[in-house]
């Protein structure tokens, strides 16, 4: 009986700790940056991310300090990259690696106009609402 109570207490503790940890999901705002410029045109529900196929620089994902006057990058975070094909809408992993920065020309070399670069956070504490970048 004592073992059953201990097991039940352990299961309840695990469920409660999992629920508490889940409360911490997506609590930090983040955005994609090319160099020091945020890729999204505005950090709202109407914001869009577009890059020309000729873009150059380092692509990063950073936590952001959002203010009415400016939005600036704070800390770089790890991310993964996929490419959404324009025609089939198929997602393909760019590489199995996690990145903190990547030369955007290396990613664009595997894209064509109309494709999307899809950025994936690897830690659920970071919200990345503008995670698809259209290539023009």
Protein backbone atom coordinates (compact mmCIF):
# COMPACT_ATOMS: atom_id res chain seq x y z
CA UNK A 1 0.00 0.00 0.00
CA UNK A 2 2.87 2.32 0.84
CA UNK A 3 4.45 1.70 -2.59
CA UNK A 4 1.15 2.43 -4.34
CA UNK A 5 0.80 5.74 -2.47
CA UNK A 6 4.40 6.65 -3.30
CA UNK A 7 3.84 5.81 -6.96
CA UNK A 8 0.61 7.80 -7.05
CA UNK A 9 2.32 10.77 -5.39
CA UNK A 10 5.18 10.54 -7.92
CA UNK A 11 2.76 10.43 -10.88
CA UNK A 12 0.82 13.43 -9.52
CA UNK A 13 4.06 15.37 -8.99
CA UNK A 14 5.21 14.63 -12.56
CA UNK A 15 1.86 15.72 -14.00
CA UNK A 16 1.85 18.90 -11.94
CA UNK A 17 5.45 19.79 -12.81
CA UNK A 18 4.74 19.19 -16.51
CA UNK A 19 1.70 21.45 -16.32
CA UNK A 20 3.69 24.16 -14.52
CA UNK A 21 6.49 24.00 -17.06
CA UNK A 22 3.97 24.23 -19.87
CA UNK A 23 2.87 27.58 -18.46
CA UNK A 24 6.29 28.96 -19.44
CA UNK A 25 5.82 28.32 -23.17
CA UNK A 26 6.26 31.24 -25.56
CA UNK A 27 6.88 33.90 -22.91
CA UNK A 28 9.74 35.68 -24.71
CA UNK A 29 9.25 37.57 -27.98
CA UNK A 30 11.73 36.88 -30.76
CA UNK A 31 12.19 37.87 -34.38
CA UNK A 32 14.37 37.15 -37.38
CA UNK A 33 17.09 39.67 -38.20
CA UNK A 34 19.26 40.20 -41.23
CA UNK A 35 22.28 42.00 -39.89
CA UNK A 36 20.87 44.55 -37.43
CA UNK A 37 17.51 44.90 -39.19
CA UNK A 38 14.39 43.01 -38.20
CA UNK A 39 13.09 41.06 -41.22
CA UNK A 40 9.39 41.56 -40.46
CA UNK A 41 8.09 44.95 -41.58
CA UNK A 42 6.04 45.40 -38.39
CA UNK A 43 5.78 43.24 -35.28
CA UNK A 44 1.98 42.94 -35.41
CA UNK A 45 -0.52 40.41 -36.68
CA UNK A 46 -0.29 42.17 -40.06
CA UNK A 47 3.50 41.95 -40.27
CA UNK A 48 5.11 40.22 -43.26
CA UNK A 49 8.62 38.96 -43.87
CA UNK A 50 10.07 39.37 -47.37
CA UNK A 51 13.65 39.16 -48.62
CA UNK A 52 14.99 39.65 -52.13
CA UNK A 53 16.84 36.68 -53.60
CA UNK A 54 19.91 38.95 -53.65
CA UNK A 55 19.91 39.65 -49.88
CA UNK A 56 23.24 39.39 -48.09
CA UNK A 57 24.31 39.26 -44.46
CA UNK A 58 23.90 37.11 -41.38
CA UNK A 59 20.44 35.73 -40.63
CA UNK A 60 19.78 35.41 -36.90
CA UNK A 61 16.87 34.94 -34.53
CA UNK A 62 16.99 37.16 -31.46
CA UNK A 63 14.88 38.03 -28.49
CA UNK A 64 13.57 41.53 -29.03
CA UNK A 65 12.97 44.66 -27.03
CA UNK A 66 9.78 46.02 -28.58
CA UNK A 67 8.96 49.70 -28.21
CA UNK A 68 6.85 52.19 -30.20
CA UNK A 69 9.99 53.92 -31.52
CA UNK A 70 12.22 50.95 -32.35
CA UNK A 71 12.60 47.23 -31.92
CA UNK A 72 16.08 45.98 -31.23
CA UNK A 73 17.75 42.61 -30.96
CA UNK A 74 18.81 41.48 -27.50
CA UNK A 75 20.08 37.88 -27.36
CA UNK A 76 20.64 35.41 -30.19
CA UNK A 77 18.78 32.15 -29.83
CA UNK A 78 19.17 28.78 -31.50
CA UNK A 79 16.97 27.97 -34.48
CA UNK A 80 16.59 25.51 -37.32
CA UNK A 81 15.80 26.22 -40.95
CA UNK A 82 13.41 24.63 -43.41
CA UNK A 83 12.44 25.70 -46.91
CA UNK A 84 8.80 25.64 -48.08
CA UNK A 85 8.64 24.97 -51.82
CA UNK A 86 6.55 27.51 -53.75
CA UNK A 87 4.86 24.94 -55.99
CA UNK A 88 4.22 21.92 -53.78
CA UNK A 89 4.19 23.66 -50.35
CA UNK A 90 6.48 20.85 -49.17
CA UNK A 91 8.76 21.63 -46.23
CA UNK A 92 12.34 20.42 -46.50
CA UNK A 93 14.97 20.77 -43.80
CA UNK A 94 17.80 23.04 -44.91
CA UNK A 95 20.22 21.25 -42.60
CA UNK A 96 19.93 19.10 -39.48
CA UNK A 97 21.99 21.66 -37.55
CA UNK A 98 20.90 24.27 -35.05
CA UNK A 99 22.10 27.77 -35.90
CA UNK A 100 22.63 31.01 -34.02
CA UNK A 101 23.56 32.73 -37.26
CA UNK A 102 23.86 31.70 -40.89
CA UNK A 103 24.96 33.46 -44.06
CA UNK A 104 21.65 34.12 -45.80
CA UNK A 105 23.26 33.61 -49.23
CA UNK A 106 23.94 29.97 -48.32
CA UNK A 107 20.24 29.46 -47.55
CA UNK A 108 19.07 31.43 -50.59
CA UNK A 109 21.24 29.23 -52.82
CA UNK A 110 18.76 26.41 -52.11
CA UNK A 111 15.69 28.61 -52.72
CA UNK A 112 13.89 29.97 -55.74
CA UNK A 113 11.65 33.01 -55.95
CA UNK A 114 8.34 32.31 -54.27
CA UNK A 115 9.78 29.84 -51.76
CA UNK A 116 9.67 30.55 -48.03
CA UNK A 117 12.48 30.23 -45.53
CA UNK A 118 10.87 28.81 -42.38
CA UNK A 119 12.60 29.44 -39.06
CA UNK A 120 11.95 27.06 -36.17
CA UNK A 121 12.82 27.82 -32.58
CA UNK A 122 14.30 24.92 -30.63
CA UNK A 123 13.14 26.11 -27.21
CA UNK A 124 9.44 26.60 -26.48
CA UNK A 125 10.04 29.66 -24.30
CA UNK A 126 10.52 31.76 -27.47
CA UNK A 127 7.56 32.97 -29.50
CA UNK A 128 8.45 33.54 -33.16
CA UNK A 129 5.19 34.64 -34.81
CA UNK A 130 6.83 35.83 -38.05
CA UNK A 131 8.68 32.65 -38.87
CA UNK A 132 8.16 32.44 -42.66
CA UNK A 133 10.20 34.65 -44.98
CA UNK A 134 9.01 34.99 -48.58
CA UNK A 135 11.77 35.08 -51.21
CA UNK A 136 11.15 37.59 -54.03
